[in-house]
């Protein structure tokens, strides 16, 4: 009885291993660009939240608007 269970466990482990070995397509240039813009947007929003000088805030707000428009263009 134990032997049958073990063989099923080995079989499931092999299936999982095969599943994990399937090649994953590399991200396209557009996906890389979008991810880069999203990371930049996150950083700009974080910086904007902590900015104290009005000129710095204005610059970061403009950067956020620009990044959001670039991301929208990619969608």
N, C-alpha and C. Protein backbone atom coordinates (compact mmCIF):
# COMPACT_ATOMS: atom_id res chain seq x y z
N UNK A 1 0.83 -1.18 0.00
CA UNK A 1 0.00 0.00 0.00
C UNK A 1 0.87 1.25 0.00
N UNK A 2 1.87 1.26 0.80
CA UNK A 2 2.77 2.40 0.87
C UNK A 2 3.49 2.60 -0.45
N UNK A 3 3.84 1.50 -1.09
CA UNK A 3 4.58 1.57 -2.34
C UNK A 3 3.77 2.25 -3.43
N UNK A 4 2.49 1.97 -3.52
CA UNK A 4 1.63 2.60 -4.51
C UNK A 4 1.55 4.10 -4.31
N UNK A 5 1.44 4.53 -3.07
CA UNK A 5 1.38 5.95 -2.76
C UNK A 5 2.67 6.64 -3.15
N UNK A 6 3.80 5.99 -2.85
CA UNK A 6 5.09 6.58 -3.17
C UNK A 6 5.26 6.74 -4.68
N UNK A 7 4.81 5.76 -5.46
CA UNK A 7 4.97 5.87 -6.90
C UNK A 7 4.11 7.01 -7.44
N UNK A 8 2.94 7.24 -6.86
CA UNK A 8 2.12 8.37 -7.29
C UNK A 8 2.78 9.68 -6.90
N UNK A 9 3.40 9.72 -5.74
CA UNK A 9 4.10 10.92 -5.30
C UNK A 9 5.27 11.23 -6.24
N UNK A 10 6.02 10.22 -6.61
CA UNK A 10 7.14 10.40 -7.54
C UNK A 10 6.62 10.89 -8.88
N UNK A 11 5.52 10.30 -9.32
CA UNK A 11 4.92 10.70 -10.60
C UNK A 11 4.50 12.18 -10.56
N UNK A 12 3.90 12.61 -9.46
CA UNK A 12 3.47 14.01 -9.36
C UNK A 12 4.67 14.94 -9.28
N UNK A 13 5.74 14.51 -8.62
CA UNK A 13 6.95 15.33 -8.56
C UNK A 13 7.57 15.48 -9.94
N UNK A 14 7.57 14.41 -10.71
CA UNK A 14 8.12 14.48 -12.06
C UNK A 14 7.27 15.40 -12.93
N UNK A 15 5.95 15.33 -12.77
CA UNK A 15 5.06 16.19 -13.55
C UNK A 15 5.30 17.65 -13.19
N UNK A 16 5.47 17.94 -11.91
CA UNK A 16 5.75 19.31 -11.47
C UNK A 16 7.08 19.80 -12.03
N UNK A 17 8.07 18.95 -12.03
CA UNK A 17 9.38 19.30 -12.55
C UNK A 17 9.30 19.61 -14.04
N UNK A 18 8.57 18.76 -14.77
CA UNK A 18 8.41 18.99 -16.20
C UNK A 18 7.68 20.30 -16.46
N UNK A 19 6.69 20.59 -15.64
CA UNK A 19 5.93 21.82 -15.79
C UNK A 19 6.84 23.03 -15.58
N UNK A 20 7.70 22.95 -14.59
CA UNK A 20 8.61 24.04 -14.29
C UNK A 20 9.71 24.22 -15.31
N UNK A 21 10.00 23.21 -16.09
CA UNK A 21 11.08 23.28 -17.06
C UNK A 21 10.63 23.84 -18.40
N UNK A 22 9.36 24.08 -18.57
CA UNK A 22 8.88 24.60 -19.84
C UNK A 22 9.47 25.99 -20.05
N UNK A 23 9.93 26.23 -21.25
CA UNK A 23 10.55 27.54 -21.50
C UNK A 23 9.51 28.66 -21.42
N UNK A 24 9.94 29.74 -20.85
CA UNK A 24 9.09 30.91 -20.73
C UNK A 24 9.56 31.91 -21.77
N UNK A 25 8.62 32.44 -22.52
CA UNK A 25 8.98 33.40 -23.55
C UNK A 25 9.53 34.66 -22.89
N UNK A 26 10.61 35.19 -23.42
CA UNK A 26 11.16 36.41 -22.84
C UNK A 26 10.18 37.57 -23.07
N UNK A 27 10.19 38.53 -22.16
CA UNK A 27 9.26 39.65 -22.32
C UNK A 27 9.56 40.44 -23.60
N UNK A 28 8.52 40.94 -24.20
CA UNK A 28 8.70 41.73 -25.42
C UNK A 28 9.23 43.11 -25.04
N UNK A 29 9.66 43.84 -26.03
CA UNK A 29 10.17 45.19 -25.80
C UNK A 29 9.08 46.07 -25.20
N UNK A 30 7.85 45.92 -25.67
CA UNK A 30 6.75 46.72 -25.13
C UNK A 30 6.48 46.37 -23.67
N UNK A 31 6.55 45.09 -23.30
CA UNK A 31 6.36 44.69 -21.91
C UNK A 31 7.47 45.25 -21.02
N UNK A 32 8.70 45.19 -21.52
CA UNK A 32 9.82 45.76 -20.75
C UNK A 32 9.66 47.26 -20.58
N UNK A 33 9.24 47.95 -21.63
CA UNK A 33 9.04 49.40 -21.58
C UNK A 33 7.94 49.74 -20.58
N UNK A 34 6.81 49.01 -20.64
CA UNK A 34 5.71 49.27 -19.72
C UNK A 34 6.13 49.04 -18.28
N UNK A 35 6.86 47.97 -18.03
CA UNK A 35 7.32 47.66 -16.67
C UNK A 35 8.26 48.76 -16.16
N UNK A 36 9.13 49.21 -17.04
CA UNK A 36 10.05 50.29 -16.67
C UNK A 36 9.29 51.57 -16.33
N UNK A 37 8.29 51.90 -17.13
CA UNK A 37 7.47 53.08 -16.87
C UNK A 37 6.71 52.94 -15.56
N UNK A 38 6.18 51.75 -15.29
CA UNK A 38 5.44 51.53 -14.06
C UNK A 38 6.34 51.68 -12.83
N UNK A 39 7.56 51.18 -12.93
CA UNK A 39 8.50 51.33 -11.81
C UNK A 39 8.86 52.80 -11.60
N UNK A 40 9.07 53.52 -12.70
CA UNK A 40 9.38 54.94 -12.61
C UNK A 40 8.21 55.71 -12.02
N UNK A 41 7.00 55.34 -12.41
CA UNK A 41 5.81 56.00 -11.88
C UNK A 41 5.68 55.77 -10.38
N UNK A 42 5.93 54.55 -9.94
CA UNK A 42 5.88 54.25 -8.51
C UNK A 42 6.89 55.09 -7.74
N UNK A 43 8.08 55.20 -8.27
CA UNK A 43 9.12 56.00 -7.61
C UNK A 43 8.75 57.48 -7.59
N UNK A 44 8.22 57.99 -8.70
CA UNK A 44 7.84 59.40 -8.76
C UNK A 44 6.72 59.71 -7.78
N UNK A 45 5.73 58.82 -7.68
CA UNK A 45 4.64 59.03 -6.72
C UNK A 45 5.14 59.00 -5.29
N UNK A 46 6.07 58.09 -5.01
CA UNK A 46 6.64 58.01 -3.66
C UNK A 46 7.40 59.30 -3.33
N UNK A 47 8.19 59.76 -4.30
CA UNK A 47 8.95 60.99 -4.09
C UNK A 47 8.02 62.20 -3.94
N UNK A 48 6.95 62.22 -4.74
CA UNK A 48 6.00 63.33 -4.66
C UNK A 48 5.34 63.38 -3.28
N UNK A 49 5.04 62.22 -2.73
CA UNK A 49 4.40 62.17 -1.41
C UNK A 49 5.29 62.73 -0.31
N UNK A 50 6.61 62.64 -0.51
CA UNK A 50 7.51 63.12 0.53
C UNK A 50 8.16 64.46 0.20
N UNK A 51 7.89 65.00 -0.98
CA UNK A 51 8.50 66.28 -1.39
C UNK A 51 7.89 67.42 -0.57
N UNK A 52 8.73 68.40 -0.21
CA UNK A 52 8.28 69.54 0.59
C UNK A 52 8.36 70.86 -0.17
N UNK A 53 9.27 71.00 -1.08
CA UNK A 53 9.45 72.25 -1.81
C UNK A 53 8.45 72.31 -2.97
N UNK A 54 7.74 73.44 -3.12
CA UNK A 54 6.71 73.55 -4.16
C UNK A 54 7.24 73.29 -5.58
N UNK A 55 8.42 73.76 -5.91
CA UNK A 55 8.96 73.52 -7.25
C UNK A 55 9.25 72.04 -7.48
N UNK A 56 9.76 71.41 -6.46
CA UNK A 56 10.05 69.97 -6.56
C UNK A 56 8.74 69.20 -6.71
N UNK A 57 7.72 69.59 -5.95
CA UNK A 57 6.42 68.95 -6.06
C UNK A 57 5.84 69.12 -7.46
N UNK A 58 5.97 70.33 -8.02
CA UNK A 58 5.44 70.59 -9.36
C UNK A 58 6.16 69.74 -10.40
N UNK A 59 7.48 69.63 -10.27
CA UNK A 59 8.26 68.83 -11.21
C UNK A 59 7.84 67.35 -11.13
N UNK A 60 7.68 66.85 -9.92
CA UNK A 60 7.29 65.46 -9.74
C UNK A 60 5.85 65.21 -10.21
N UNK A 61 4.97 66.16 -9.98
CA UNK A 61 3.58 66.01 -10.45
C UNK A 61 3.56 65.94 -11.97
N UNK A 62 4.36 66.76 -12.63
CA UNK A 62 4.45 66.72 -14.09
C UNK A 62 5.03 65.38 -14.55
N UNK A 63 6.01 64.90 -13.85
CA UNK A 63 6.60 63.59 -14.20
C UNK A 63 5.56 62.48 -14.06
N UNK A 64 4.75 62.53 -13.02
CA UNK A 64 3.71 61.53 -12.81
C UNK A 64 2.71 61.58 -13.97
N UNK A 65 2.27 62.79 -14.35
CA UNK A 65 1.33 62.92 -15.47
C UNK A 65 1.92 62.38 -16.76
N UNK A 66 3.19 62.69 -17.00
CA UNK A 66 3.85 62.22 -18.22
C UNK A 66 3.95 60.68 -18.24
N UNK A 67 4.38 60.10 -17.13
CA UNK A 67 4.52 58.65 -17.06
C UNK A 67 3.17 57.96 -17.22
N UNK A 68 2.12 58.52 -16.60
CA UNK A 68 0.79 57.92 -16.76
C UNK A 68 0.32 57.99 -18.20
N UNK A 69 0.62 59.08 -18.89
CA UNK A 69 0.21 59.18 -20.30
C UNK A 69 1.00 58.21 -21.16
N UNK A 70 2.29 58.02 -20.87
CA UNK A 70 3.09 57.06 -21.64
C UNK A 70 2.60 55.63 -21.43
N UNK A 71 2.22 55.30 -20.21
CA UNK A 71 1.69 53.96 -19.93
C UNK A 71 0.37 53.77 -20.66
N UNK A 72 -0.47 54.79 -20.66
CA UNK A 72 -1.76 54.71 -21.35
C UNK A 72 -1.56 54.47 -22.85
N UNK A 73 -0.55 55.09 -23.44
CA UNK A 73 -0.27 54.91 -24.85
C UNK A 73 0.10 53.46 -25.17
N UNK A 74 0.76 52.79 -24.22
CA UNK A 74 1.19 51.41 -24.45
C UNK A 74 0.04 50.41 -24.31
N UNK A 75 -1.02 50.80 -23.63
CA UNK A 75 -2.14 49.88 -23.43
C UNK A 75 -3.01 49.89 -24.61
